[in-house]
Protein backbone atom coordinates (compact mmCIF):
# COMPACT_ATOMS: atom_id res chain seq x y z
CA MET A 1 -19.11 41.20 -33.05
CA GLU A 2 -17.71 39.46 -35.43
CA PRO A 3 -17.53 35.58 -34.97
CA GLY A 4 -13.92 35.26 -36.35
CA PRO A 5 -12.97 32.33 -38.59
CA GLN A 6 -14.53 29.07 -38.63
CA PRO A 7 -12.61 26.30 -36.21
CA VAL A 8 -10.74 23.66 -38.48
CA ASP A 9 -12.11 20.01 -38.14
CA GLY A 10 -11.00 18.62 -35.10
CA THR A 11 -9.41 15.46 -36.27
CA GLN A 12 -6.39 17.79 -37.09
CA HIS A 13 -6.25 19.59 -34.26
CA PRO A 14 -7.87 17.94 -31.48
CA ARG A 15 -7.92 21.24 -28.71
CA VAL A 16 -10.31 22.63 -31.63
CA LEU A 17 -14.21 21.47 -31.37
CA GLU A 18 -15.81 20.82 -34.42
CA HIS A 19 -18.74 24.22 -34.61
CA ALA A 20 -21.41 21.70 -35.13
CA ALA A 21 -20.98 19.76 -31.98
CA LEU A 22 -20.20 22.61 -30.04
CA GLN A 23 -23.16 24.77 -31.10
CA ALA A 24 -25.52 21.60 -29.46
CA ALA A 25 -23.47 21.39 -26.67
CA LEU A 26 -23.90 25.00 -26.00
CA ALA A 27 -27.70 24.60 -26.92
CA ARG A 28 -28.20 23.63 -23.52
CA GLU A 29 -28.34 27.00 -22.77
CA VAL A 30 -31.39 27.78 -24.53
CA GLU A 31 -33.05 25.06 -22.90
CA GLN A 32 -32.13 26.27 -19.29
CA ARG A 33 -34.04 29.44 -19.86
CA GLU A 34 -37.08 27.28 -20.89
CA ALA A 35 -36.72 25.53 -17.87
CA ASP A 36 -36.90 28.18 -15.42
CA ASP A 37 -40.51 29.00 -16.21
CA HIS A 38 -41.45 24.83 -16.06
CA ARG A 39 -41.05 24.76 -19.94
CA GLU A 40 -44.40 26.68 -19.96
CA HIS A 41 -45.49 29.69 -22.92
CA PRO A 42 -46.63 32.28 -20.40
CA LEU A 43 -49.60 33.55 -23.37
CA THR A 44 -51.21 29.99 -23.50
CA ARG A 45 -51.58 29.40 -19.76
CA ASP A 46 -54.89 29.49 -18.13
CA PRO A 47 -55.64 33.21 -16.54
CA GLY A 48 -56.58 32.36 -13.30
CA GLU A 49 -53.49 29.60 -12.59
CA SER A 50 -51.68 29.85 -9.82
CA HIS A 51 -47.72 29.94 -10.25
CA ASP A 52 -44.91 28.87 -7.97
CA GLU A 53 -41.81 30.39 -8.99
CA PRO A 54 -38.18 29.05 -8.08
CA GLN A 55 -35.76 31.32 -6.62
CA ASP A 56 -32.72 29.47 -7.73
CA GLU A 57 -31.71 28.29 -11.16
CA GLN A 58 -33.29 25.03 -11.94
CA HIS A 59 -31.19 22.13 -13.96
CA GLU A 60 -31.92 18.82 -15.78
CA PRO A 61 -32.30 15.41 -14.84
CA GLY A 62 -28.80 13.99 -16.01
CA GLU A 63 -26.76 17.39 -16.83
CA VAL A 64 -23.49 17.12 -15.11
CA LEU A 65 -21.01 19.47 -15.39
CA ALA A 66 -19.09 16.70 -17.33
CA HIS A 67 -19.71 12.56 -18.40
CA GLU A 68 -20.17 10.80 -15.45
CA ALA A 69 -18.68 7.42 -16.73
CA GLU A 70 -14.80 9.73 -16.53
CA PRO A 71 -13.09 9.07 -13.06
CA PRO A 72 -14.14 11.99 -10.42
CA HIS A 73 -11.10 13.56 -10.56
CA ASP A 74 -11.18 14.35 -14.52
CA ARG A 75 -14.54 15.65 -14.31
CA VAL A 76 -13.43 19.11 -13.32
CA ALA A 77 -9.81 18.92 -13.31
CA LEU A 78 -8.55 21.93 -11.08
CA ARG A 79 -5.34 23.24 -11.77
CA ARG A 80 -3.62 22.21 -8.37
CA PRO A 81 -0.73 24.17 -6.29
CA GLY A 82 2.76 23.28 -7.59
CA ALA A 83 1.60 22.10 -11.28
CA VAL A 84 1.05 25.40 -12.39
CA GLY A 85 3.91 26.71 -15.12
CA GLU A 86 4.38 30.06 -16.38
CA ALA A 87 1.47 32.14 -15.81
CA ARG A 88 -0.87 32.15 -19.15
CA ARG A 89 -1.70 35.58 -20.74
CA GLY A 90 -4.96 37.13 -20.00
CA PRO A 91 -7.49 39.81 -21.81
CA GLY A 92 -4.86 42.65 -21.88
CA ASP A 93 -2.16 40.55 -23.53
CA ASP A 94 -1.76 39.74 -27.34
CA ASP A 95 -1.06 36.16 -27.23
CA ARG A 96 -2.93 33.67 -26.13
CA GLY A 97 -2.49 29.67 -26.44
CA GLY A 98 -0.07 27.46 -27.89
CA GLU A 99 1.64 24.44 -26.93
CA GLY A 100 1.92 25.68 -23.17
CA GLU A 101 -1.43 25.78 -23.01
CA ALA A 102 -1.80 21.89 -24.39
CA ALA A 103 0.98 20.97 -21.89
CA ASP A 104 -1.30 22.23 -19.20
CA ARG A 105 -4.08 20.72 -19.73
CA GLN A 106 -2.44 17.07 -19.96
CA ARG A 107 -0.75 17.82 -16.68
CA ASP A 108 -4.19 18.45 -15.49
CA ARG A 109 -5.68 14.88 -16.95
CA ASP A 110 -2.56 13.11 -15.60
CA ALA A 111 -3.24 14.69 -12.48
CA ASP A 112 -3.81 12.40 -8.82
CA PRO A 113 -7.52 12.60 -7.82
CA PRO A 114 -7.83 14.46 -4.46
CA PRO A 115 -8.94 12.90 -1.57
CA GLU A 116 -12.55 12.27 -2.46
CA ALA A 117 -14.48 10.67 0.25
CA ALA A 118 -13.87 13.50 2.72
CA ALA A 119 -13.21 16.33 0.77
CA LEU A 120 -16.68 15.29 -0.86
CA GLU A 121 -18.69 15.06 2.87
CA GLU A 122 -16.69 18.36 3.60
CA ALA A 123 -18.17 20.01 0.76
CA LYS A 124 -21.83 18.41 1.31
CA ASP A 125 -21.78 20.16 4.59
CA GLY A 126 -20.65 23.86 3.69
CA CYS A 127 -23.20 23.45 0.51
CA GLU A 128 -26.63 21.90 -0.07
CA VAL A 129 -27.06 19.10 -2.27
CA ALA A 130 -27.68 19.65 -5.82
CA PRO A 131 -30.91 18.50 -7.40
CA PRO A 132 -30.83 14.95 -9.09
CA GLY A 133 -28.52 14.57 -11.91
CA VAL A 134 -26.17 17.28 -10.98
CA ARG A 135 -22.94 17.39 -9.28
CA HIS A 136 -20.94 19.84 -7.61
CA PRO A 137 -17.21 20.04 -8.76
CA LEU A 138 -15.23 17.72 -6.16
CA PRO A 139 -13.53 20.35 -3.55
CA VAL A 140 -9.84 20.76 -3.88
CA THR A 141 -7.29 22.88 -2.60
CA LEU A 142 -7.49 25.81 -4.63
CA PRO A 143 -5.02 27.29 -6.86
CA ARG A 144 -2.09 29.91 -5.81
CA ARG A 145 -3.64 33.11 -4.35
CA ALA A 146 -2.90 36.18 -5.59
CA ARG A 147 -1.40 37.55 -2.95
CA ALA A 148 -3.00 40.38 -1.02
CA GLY A 149 -1.60 43.74 -1.15
CA GLN A 150 0.36 42.72 -4.29
CA GLY A 151 -0.98 43.03 -7.95
CA PRO A 152 0.37 44.39 -11.34
CA ALA A 153 2.62 47.97 -11.29
CA SER A 154 0.67 51.06 -10.62
CA LEU A 155 -0.87 52.57 -13.70
CA SER A 156 -0.83 56.12 -14.22
CA ALA A 157 0.06 56.51 -10.07
CA ILE A 158 -3.10 54.28 -9.39
CA ASP A 159 -1.91 51.34 -7.02
CA LEU A 160 -4.40 48.29 -6.41
CA LYS A 161 -4.69 45.65 -4.07
CA ILE A 162 -6.34 42.11 -4.10
CA VAL A 163 -8.72 41.86 -0.99
CA GLU A 164 -9.61 38.24 0.76
CA ARG A 165 -12.46 40.02 2.84
CA ILE A 166 -14.70 43.26 2.30
CA GLY A 167 -14.05 43.51 6.12
CA ASP A 168 -10.24 44.74 4.98
CA VAL A 169 -12.04 47.86 3.16
CA ALA A 170 -13.37 50.68 5.29
CA ALA A 171 -17.33 50.76 4.83
CA ASP A 172 -17.65 54.40 4.47
CA GLU A 173 -14.99 54.53 1.75
CA TRP A 174 -16.10 51.15 -0.03
CA ASP A 175 -19.69 52.51 0.00
CA ARG A 176 -18.63 55.56 -1.79
CA LEU A 177 -18.64 53.86 -5.15
CA VAL A 178 -22.00 52.89 -4.76
CA GLY A 179 -24.59 53.86 -6.59
CA PRO A 180 -27.90 55.52 -5.18
CA GLY A 181 -29.93 52.42 -6.28
CA ASP A 182 -28.05 49.43 -5.41
CA PRO A 183 -28.12 47.62 -2.25
CA PHE A 184 -26.52 44.70 -3.15
CA LEU A 185 -22.96 46.31 -3.83
CA GLU A 186 -23.12 47.97 -0.57
CA HIS A 187 -20.51 47.00 2.06
CA ALA A 188 -23.00 45.54 4.57
CA PHE A 189 -24.64 43.15 2.09
CA LEU A 190 -21.31 41.56 1.31
CA ALA A 191 -20.19 41.62 4.50
CA ALA A 192 -23.25 39.82 5.60
CA LEU A 193 -22.74 36.83 2.88
CA GLU A 194 -19.07 36.51 3.85
CA ALA A 195 -19.77 36.98 7.59
CA SER A 196 -22.42 34.07 7.52
CA GLY A 197 -20.48 31.81 5.72
CA SER A 198 -22.76 32.03 2.52
CA VAL A 199 -19.90 32.81 0.44
CA GLY A 200 -16.43 31.11 1.09
CA ALA A 201 -14.32 28.19 0.19
CA ARG A 202 -16.92 26.06 1.36
CA ALA A 203 -19.45 27.72 -1.29
CA GLY A 204 -16.82 27.41 -4.23
CA CYS A 205 -16.84 31.10 -3.87
CA VAL A 206 -14.03 33.30 -2.46
CA PRO A 207 -13.32 36.63 -2.55
CA ARG A 208 -10.94 38.53 -4.98
CA LEU A 209 -12.04 41.78 -4.54
CA VAL A 210 -9.78 44.41 -6.94
CA THR A 211 -9.48 47.76 -5.16
CA ALA A 212 -7.83 51.00 -6.79
CA ARG A 213 -6.22 53.80 -4.45
CA ASP A 214 -5.06 57.02 -5.73
CA ARG A 215 -1.65 58.77 -4.48
CA GLY A 216 -3.27 60.05 -1.59
CA GLY A 217 -4.90 56.67 -0.54
CA ARG A 218 -8.45 57.22 -1.35
CA LEU A 219 -10.22 54.00 -2.58
CA VAL A 220 -11.05 55.11 -6.30
CA GLY A 221 -12.48 52.10 -7.71
CA ALA A 222 -13.30 48.05 -7.49
CA VAL A 223 -14.41 45.19 -8.68
CA PRO A 224 -16.39 42.61 -6.63
CA LEU A 225 -14.42 39.63 -7.70
CA TYR A 226 -14.89 36.13 -7.07
CA LEU A 227 -13.02 32.84 -7.69
CA LYS A 228 -15.25 30.17 -8.08
CA THR A 229 -15.15 26.42 -8.47
CA ASN A 230 -18.68 25.78 -9.75
CA SER A 231 -21.35 28.12 -11.17
CA TYR A 232 -24.48 27.85 -8.77
CA GLY A 233 -26.03 31.04 -8.28
CA GLU A 234 -24.93 33.19 -11.00
CA PHE A 235 -28.71 33.04 -13.35
CA ILE A 236 -26.63 33.87 -16.45
CA PHE A 237 -26.12 30.12 -17.05
CA ASP A 238 -22.51 28.63 -18.32
CA TRP A 239 -23.12 24.89 -17.51
CA SER A 240 -23.16 23.69 -21.23
CA TRP A 241 -20.08 25.88 -21.29
CA ALA A 242 -18.32 23.73 -18.64
CA ASN A 243 -19.75 20.35 -20.24
CA ALA A 244 -18.55 21.41 -23.51
CA ALA A 245 -14.92 22.49 -22.17
CA HIS A 246 -14.78 19.34 -20.44
CA ARG A 247 -15.32 17.33 -23.66
CA SER A 248 -12.80 19.37 -25.60
CA GLY A 249 -10.06 18.71 -22.87
CA ILE A 250 -10.44 22.46 -21.68
CA ARG A 251 -10.21 22.87 -18.05
CA TYR A 252 -13.29 25.20 -16.73
CA TYR A 253 -12.60 25.69 -13.28
CA PRO A 254 -11.70 27.51 -11.66
CA LYS A 255 -12.88 30.99 -12.69
CA LEU A 256 -13.76 34.39 -11.97
CA VAL A 257 -16.84 36.19 -11.66
CA ALA A 258 -17.60 39.62 -11.10
CA ALA A 259 -20.98 40.11 -9.59
CA ILE A 260 -22.83 40.03 -6.29
CA PRO A 261 -23.26 36.44 -5.30
CA PHE A 262 -26.79 34.71 -6.02
CA THR A 263 -28.33 38.12 -6.88
CA PRO A 264 -29.57 38.85 -10.33
CA ALA A 265 -29.69 42.23 -10.32
CA THR A 266 -28.50 44.61 -12.42
CA GLY A 267 -25.64 47.15 -11.23
CA GLN A 268 -22.10 48.32 -11.64
CA ARG A 269 -19.58 45.80 -11.70
CA LEU A 270 -16.72 48.37 -12.51
CA PRO A 271 -17.76 51.45 -9.82
CA VAL A 272 -15.72 54.36 -9.96
CA LEU A 273 -15.51 57.28 -7.49
CA ASP A 274 -17.43 59.90 -8.82
CA ALA A 275 -15.26 62.85 -7.42
CA PRO A 276 -13.09 65.84 -8.79
CA GLY A 277 -9.61 64.45 -9.69
CA VAL A 278 -10.64 60.88 -10.29
CA ASP A 279 -9.61 60.18 -14.15
CA ALA A 280 -12.32 57.34 -14.12
CA ALA A 281 -10.97 56.06 -17.87
CA ALA A 282 -7.96 55.44 -16.17
CA VAL A 283 -9.04 53.63 -13.09
CA THR A 284 -11.62 51.37 -14.94
CA GLY A 285 -8.05 50.74 -17.02
CA ALA A 286 -6.19 50.02 -13.87
CA LEU A 287 -9.15 47.33 -12.25
CA LEU A 288 -9.22 45.59 -15.60
CA ALA A 289 -5.45 45.01 -15.29
CA GLY A 290 -6.08 43.88 -11.87
CA VAL A 291 -8.97 41.23 -12.84
CA ALA A 292 -6.37 39.95 -15.45
CA GLU A 293 -3.66 39.93 -12.61
CA VAL A 294 -5.64 37.73 -10.64
CA ALA A 295 -6.96 35.45 -13.57
CA ASP A 296 -3.38 34.73 -14.41
CA ALA A 297 -2.09 34.04 -10.39
CA GLU A 298 -4.96 31.60 -10.27
CA GLN A 299 -5.05 30.35 -13.45
CA ALA A 300 -8.83 30.96 -13.96
CA SER A 301 -10.05 29.65 -17.10
CA SER A 302 -12.66 32.40 -17.69
CA THR A 303 -13.50 35.89 -16.26
CA HIS A 304 -17.16 36.61 -16.56
CA PHE A 305 -18.66 39.88 -15.32
CA LEU A 306 -22.26 39.36 -15.09
CA PHE A 307 -25.25 41.82 -14.46
CA CYS A 308 -23.38 45.05 -15.62
CA THR A 309 -24.31 47.66 -17.04
CA GLU A 310 -24.86 48.31 -20.76
CA ALA A 311 -22.53 50.95 -20.62
CA GLU A 312 -19.99 48.79 -19.12
CA SER A 313 -20.84 45.36 -21.30
CA ARG A 314 -19.80 47.72 -24.18
CA LEU A 315 -16.36 49.09 -22.54
CA LEU A 316 -15.66 45.42 -21.98
CA GLY A 317 -16.36 44.19 -25.30
CA GLY A 318 -13.38 46.77 -26.38
CA HIS A 319 -11.13 45.03 -23.78
CA ARG A 320 -11.57 41.10 -25.89
CA TYR A 321 -14.69 40.47 -23.55
CA LEU A 322 -17.77 38.60 -25.15
CA PRO A 323 -20.78 40.96 -24.57
CA ARG A 324 -24.01 38.87 -23.90
CA LEU A 325 -27.43 39.48 -23.54
CA SER A 326 -30.46 37.87 -21.66
CA MET A 327 -33.79 38.83 -20.16
CA GLN A 328 -35.73 39.54 -17.38
CA PHE A 329 -39.08 41.27 -16.48
CA HIS A 330 -38.67 44.80 -15.06
CA TRP A 331 -41.52 47.30 -13.37
CA HIS A 332 -41.15 50.81 -14.49
CA ASN A 333 -42.97 53.54 -13.25
CA ARG A 334 -44.07 56.43 -16.00
CA PRO A 335 -40.80 58.57 -16.43
CA GLU A 336 -43.58 61.70 -17.40
CA ARG A 337 -46.06 61.60 -14.42
CA PRO A 338 -45.24 58.88 -12.08
CA PHE A 339 -48.43 56.72 -10.69
CA GLU A 340 -50.26 58.04 -8.11
CA SER A 341 -51.65 54.59 -6.67
CA PHE A 342 -52.27 51.16 -8.21
CA ASP A 343 -55.78 52.38 -9.49
CA ASP A 344 -53.69 54.79 -11.70
CA TYR A 345 -51.17 52.28 -12.86
CA LEU A 346 -54.37 49.35 -13.61
CA SER A 347 -55.77 52.35 -15.53
CA THR A 348 -52.82 52.32 -18.30
CA PHE A 349 -53.77 48.20 -19.10
CA ARG A 350 -55.99 47.11 -21.43
CA SER A 351 -59.43 46.50 -19.95
CA ARG A 352 -59.28 42.65 -19.97
CA ASN A 353 -55.84 42.85 -18.29
CA ARG A 354 -57.20 44.80 -15.64
CA LYS A 355 -59.94 42.90 -14.92
CA GLN A 356 -57.54 39.86 -14.70
CA VAL A 357 -55.57 41.70 -11.96
CA ARG A 358 -58.64 43.01 -10.17
CA LYS A 359 -59.85 39.36 -10.22
CA GLU A 360 -56.57 37.65 -8.63
CA ARG A 361 -56.21 40.32 -5.96
CA GLU A 362 -59.87 39.88 -4.83
CA VAL A 363 -59.12 36.06 -4.86
CA ALA A 364 -55.41 36.59 -2.69
CA ALA A 365 -57.55 38.86 -0.34
CA SER A 366 -60.55 35.81 0.28
CA HIS A 367 -58.38 33.20 2.10
CA GLY A 368 -58.83 35.13 5.37
CA LEU A 369 -55.01 35.82 5.56
CA GLU A 370 -53.55 39.31 7.37
CA LEU A 371 -51.10 40.92 4.80
CA ARG A 372 -48.51 42.79 5.73
CA THR A 373 -45.57 45.08 4.02
CA ALA A 374 -43.11 45.93 6.36
CA THR A 375 -39.13 47.17 6.31
CA GLY A 376 -36.53 45.15 7.82
CA ALA A 377 -36.78 47.43 10.71
CA GLU A 378 -40.53 47.08 11.45
CA LEU A 379 -40.14 43.49 11.89
CA GLU A 380 -40.49 41.43 15.12
CA PRO A 381 -37.71 38.64 15.82
CA ARG A 382 -40.68 35.75 14.95
CA ASP A 383 -40.74 37.48 11.42
CA TRP A 384 -37.15 37.31 10.69
CA LYS A 385 -37.25 33.56 11.67
CA ALA A 386 -40.29 33.11 9.52
CA LEU A 387 -38.42 34.41 6.97
CA ARG A 388 -35.71 32.00 7.28
CA GLY A 389 -38.19 29.28 7.31
CA LEU A 390 -39.90 30.24 4.30
CA TYR A 391 -36.61 30.60 2.17
CA ARG A 392 -35.61 27.14 3.38
CA GLU A 393 -39.03 26.15 2.64
CA ASN A 394 -39.13 27.16 -1.30
CA VAL A 395 -35.60 25.63 -1.57
CA ALA A 396 -36.45 22.32 -0.81
CA ARG A 397 -39.66 22.55 -2.52
CA HIS A 398 -37.67 22.86 -5.55
CA GLY A 399 -34.91 20.90 -5.17
CA GLY A 400 -32.65 23.71 -5.20
CA ILE A 401 -29.68 24.84 -3.19
CA ALA A 402 -30.08 26.74 0.13
CA TYR A 403 -27.40 29.66 -1.23
CA LEU A 404 -28.00 31.68 1.88
CA ARG A 405 -26.82 29.91 5.35
CA ASP A 406 -29.08 30.44 8.43
CA ALA A 407 -26.76 33.11 9.96
CA PHE A 408 -27.04 35.36 6.98
CA PHE A 409 -30.74 36.16 8.37
CA GLU A 410 -29.37 36.86 11.61
CA ILE A 411 -26.96 39.16 10.50
CA ALA A 412 -29.25 40.80 8.08
CA ARG A 413 -31.42 41.58 11.13
CA GLU A 414 -28.81 43.99 12.25
CA THR A 415 -27.06 45.04 9.37
CA LEU A 416 -29.71 45.29 6.73
CA GLY A 417 -32.95 45.85 8.14
CA HIS A 418 -32.80 49.64 6.53
CA ARG A 419 -32.45 48.00 3.01
CA LEU A 420 -34.93 45.04 3.70
CA VAL A 421 -38.77 45.17 2.67
CA ALA A 422 -40.79 41.79 3.33
CA THR A 423 -44.18 41.30 2.58
CA LEU A 424 -46.10 38.87 4.59
CA ALA A 425 -48.90 36.63 4.64
CA TYR A 426 -50.15 35.63 8.36
CA ARG A 427 -52.69 32.93 9.60
CA GLY A 428 -53.13 33.81 12.97
CA ALA A 429 -49.99 34.54 14.48
CA ASP A 430 -48.21 32.24 12.19
CA ALA A 431 -46.29 33.02 8.72
CA VAL A 432 -47.70 31.23 5.69
CA ALA A 433 -46.17 33.03 3.19
CA GLY A 434 -43.73 36.02 2.49
CA THR A 435 -41.22 37.48 0.39
CA ILE A 436 -37.46 39.16 1.12
CA ASN A 437 -36.85 42.14 -1.21
CA PHE A 438 -34.38 45.01 -1.24
CA GLU A 439 -34.67 48.71 -1.66
CA LYS A 440 -32.41 51.68 -1.88
CA GLY A 441 -33.39 54.97 -3.53
CA PRO A 442 -35.51 55.03 -6.53
CA HIS A 443 -34.79 50.88 -7.06
CA LEU A 444 -36.73 47.99 -5.63
CA TYR A 445 -35.70 44.05 -6.05
CA GLY A 446 -37.90 41.29 -5.54
CA ARG A 447 -35.28 38.14 -4.52
CA TYR A 448 -37.10 35.54 -2.43
CA TRP A 449 -40.18 33.48 -1.83
CA GLY A 450 -41.89 30.91 0.08
CA CYS A 451 -44.82 29.32 1.46
CA LEU A 452 -45.43 26.64 3.30
CA ALA A 453 -49.11 25.56 1.89
CA ASP A 454 -50.93 26.91 -1.80
CA TYR A 455 -52.94 29.66 -1.40
CA GLN A 456 -54.74 30.74 -4.92
CA MET A 457 -53.51 33.84 -6.39
CA LEU A 458 -50.75 34.46 -3.15
CA HIS A 459 -47.81 34.50 -4.88
CA PHE A 460 -49.03 37.36 -7.57
CA GLU A 461 -50.05 39.49 -4.69
CA LEU A 462 -47.41 39.26 -2.42
CA CYS A 463 -44.37 39.08 -5.07
CA TYR A 464 -45.70 41.77 -7.54
CA TYR A 465 -49.15 43.90 -6.70
CA ARG A 466 -48.03 44.93 -2.99
CA LEU A 467 -44.33 45.25 -4.35
CA ILE A 468 -45.66 47.63 -7.10
CA GLU A 469 -48.00 49.35 -4.82
CA ARG A 470 -44.56 50.21 -2.52
CA ALA A 471 -42.72 51.54 -5.44
CA ILE A 472 -45.84 53.84 -6.21
CA GLU A 473 -45.95 55.02 -3.04
CA ARG A 474 -41.75 55.96 -3.08
CA ARG A 475 -42.03 56.81 -6.34
CA CYS A 476 -39.53 54.39 -7.39
CA THR A 477 -38.78 54.14 -10.99
CA LEU A 478 -37.50 50.41 -11.08
CA PHE A 479 -38.85 46.94 -9.32
CA GLU A 480 -36.48 43.94 -10.78
CA ALA A 481 -38.52 41.07 -9.35
CA GLY A 482 -35.72 38.71 -9.86
CA ALA A 483 -34.97 36.26 -12.75
CA GLN A 484 -37.13 33.82 -14.30
CA GLY A 485 -41.46 34.28 -14.33
CA GLU A 486 -42.83 35.08 -17.99
CA HIS A 487 -45.87 35.19 -16.44
CA LYS A 488 -44.77 38.87 -14.87
CA LEU A 489 -45.73 39.84 -18.36
CA LYS A 490 -49.39 40.05 -18.04
CA ARG A 491 -48.98 41.85 -14.19
CA GLY A 492 -47.16 44.68 -15.85
CA LEU A 493 -43.52 43.87 -16.02
CA THR A 494 -42.27 44.11 -19.30
CA PRO A 495 -39.15 42.47 -20.73
CA ALA A 496 -35.53 44.24 -20.35
CA LEU A 497 -32.48 43.44 -21.69
CA THR A 498 -29.92 42.28 -19.01
CA HIS A 499 -25.98 42.20 -19.69
CA SER A 500 -23.01 40.39 -19.34
CA ALA A 501 -19.45 40.11 -20.24
CA HIS A 502 -16.77 37.05 -20.82
CA PHE A 503 -13.46 36.77 -21.66
CA ILE A 504 -12.21 33.05 -22.29
CA ARG A 505 -8.84 32.09 -21.80
CA ASP A 506 -8.36 29.31 -25.02
CA PRO A 507 -8.93 31.15 -27.99
CA ASP A 508 -10.43 28.23 -30.03
CA PHE A 509 -13.03 27.64 -27.01
CA GLY A 510 -13.63 31.36 -26.92
CA GLU A 511 -14.37 31.60 -30.77
CA ALA A 512 -16.97 29.10 -30.32
CA VAL A 513 -18.38 30.76 -27.57
CA ALA A 514 -18.47 33.84 -29.38
CA ARG A 515 -20.88 32.31 -32.28
CA PHE A 516 -23.32 31.03 -29.62
CA ILE A 517 -23.41 34.23 -27.86
CA ALA A 518 -24.44 35.72 -31.25
CA ALA A 519 -27.13 33.39 -31.94
CA GLU A 520 -28.39 33.48 -28.52
CA ALA A 521 -28.38 37.17 -28.69
CA GLU A 522 -30.92 37.24 -31.84
CA GLU A 523 -33.05 35.03 -29.93
CA VAL A 524 -33.09 37.21 -26.73
CA GLN A 525 -33.71 40.06 -29.22
CA GLN A 526 -36.79 38.21 -30.69
CA GLU A 527 -38.07 37.20 -27.31
CA VAL A 528 -38.62 40.77 -26.20
CA ARG A 529 -40.44 41.80 -29.49
CA LEU A 530 -42.78 39.17 -29.01
CA TYR A 531 -43.62 39.87 -25.93
CA ASP A 532 -43.76 43.00 -26.59
CA GLU A 533 -46.33 42.33 -29.08
CA HIS A 534 -48.59 40.89 -25.99
CA SER A 535 -48.07 43.55 -23.19
CA PRO A 536 -50.83 43.95 -21.02
CA PHE A 537 -50.58 48.18 -21.65
CA ARG A 538 -52.93 49.37 -24.28
CA ALA A 539 -51.77 51.54 -27.28
CA ALA A 540 -52.32 55.58 -26.89
CA ASN A 541 -55.09 55.49 -29.27
CA GLU A 542 -56.91 52.18 -27.40
CA PRO A 543 -60.09 53.15 -25.45
CA PRO A 544 -59.19 52.73 -21.68
C-alpha cells in the first residue's frame, strides 16, 4: 500500500503529528511484541530452561493511554450524549475531515469530567485492576447507540440490523454462518461471554453485531462487532496508537472491533452463508455498509478487524482499511501424509531437536504427577472448578486481567463441553496445573494455562506435546497455541502470519498509522524468515 503524502509540519497544522515524533510513539508496538516473550531471544535460551507463558498481553510500567499529568477526563475524552454534531463519514464515504472534526475534538477537550470517584469504583468491580502504570479509561456513558433493528438502507434486497445481544439471533441460523473449524464464532461461545458478564458495558466491550437478511428473512451474513472503550484482550496491540492520538488531540475511544473478544485466533469476521442464491459480494458490501453506519452512529474513531482471514484482509484493503501483519506460531499436520504418531512427528526433526523434546517429556513425567487429557464432557465438577482456579492463578501471577468472569466457567460446563479440551496434572486428587483449549473439526486451539507450583517442563508437556498428540490422533490439520511464545518454535510450531485491517477516521492520523504498518510489516516478514531458518525440522537432504 502506498503510504501517501508526508504530513506537513505540525507547527503549521496543529492537527497533524510530525512524522518522526509519531513514528517514535508508534514504535512502542514493536517493544510490546518483544515484551510478550519476556524480552528474551528464543534462539539463545538454555534448552533446558523452563518457560511460563502469560496468557494475556503485558504492558510496560509507565505506559498509559495518555499523559498522567493531564486531567482524568482529558486522558480519554469520550464523546458524551448530546455533544455529537453531524455524524462523521465512515469508510464508505469519500470526504473525511474538515473544520467540523476539529470543532468536535475541541468540544471533547472542553467537556466536563464524568463523576470520577463512583465511576472508577464501578469499573474496578467490573474489570480487574490493570498492571502497574496502566490505566483503564474512566467509564463514562457511551455515545448514543445505533438503534437495534435499524441500519443503512437495504442494499440489493439485503436488510441490515444492529443486534445488541447474540441471544436475539437464533443459534441454529447464526451457526450456519460459521466455518467447520471455528469454535469461537459459534453462538454458544459468544453467548457464554455475554451471559457471564465477561462482555458488556462494565468490561468496556459492548456487542454491536451487524446482521444481514435476505427478502425471505434468512440470515445470510454477520459481523461480530463490539464497541470498545479500551484496548484490552485484543492481542493485536494499538496502545501506542491511542497514546499518539491523544498527544495529537485526537479522540481514540470509543472504537469498533470486529473480533472474538479476548481470543487471538484467526477466523472469519465477515462470514456469509454458503448456500444457493446468496450473492456473497453483495452481502459483504452490505455488512461493511452496516459497520460504517455503526461507526457513524457511535462516533467511533476507528474500526479494527482483528485476526481476520488473509482473504478478508485483502478485501478490506480495497475498502480503505489498512491491512496489518502480525505473527504467531502454529502447528501444521503433514499435508501429503498426516502423522501417524508423535514419534512419527518427531522423526521429521533434526536429531538434536528430537533429543531435546524427548528429554523434556521425560522430565515432565518425572514429577510423579498424573497427566490427563479430557474433553469438557469428560470433566468432573471438581475439574471445572480447578480450571477456573488455575486461570485466576495465572492471571494473578503475571499481574494480568481476568477477562473471563467466574460465571463463564459455569456456563461453559453446560454449553461448551463438546468444544473444550483440557490437559491436567494431578497431585493425588488435586489438579496442580492445566490448560483450557477448544477444538472443532480439523482445528485445535490452545487458550489458557495455569499452575499452582513450578514443575520443570510441565508447561511444554501440557500446552504443546499432549495437544500435538491429540491433534495427530484426530487428524487435525492445524493447532494454534495462542499468542506469544517464541519458545514454541523448537517444539515444532512454526511462524505463521496473522492478519488484521484498520480504518482510522482522522485522515492525517490514518496516514501516519499507514506508514507505521508498512514499516512494521517488513519487520514481521523478516522475523518470519529468521525463525524459518531455525526451524527444528530437518531438510529433505539431511539425515534423520
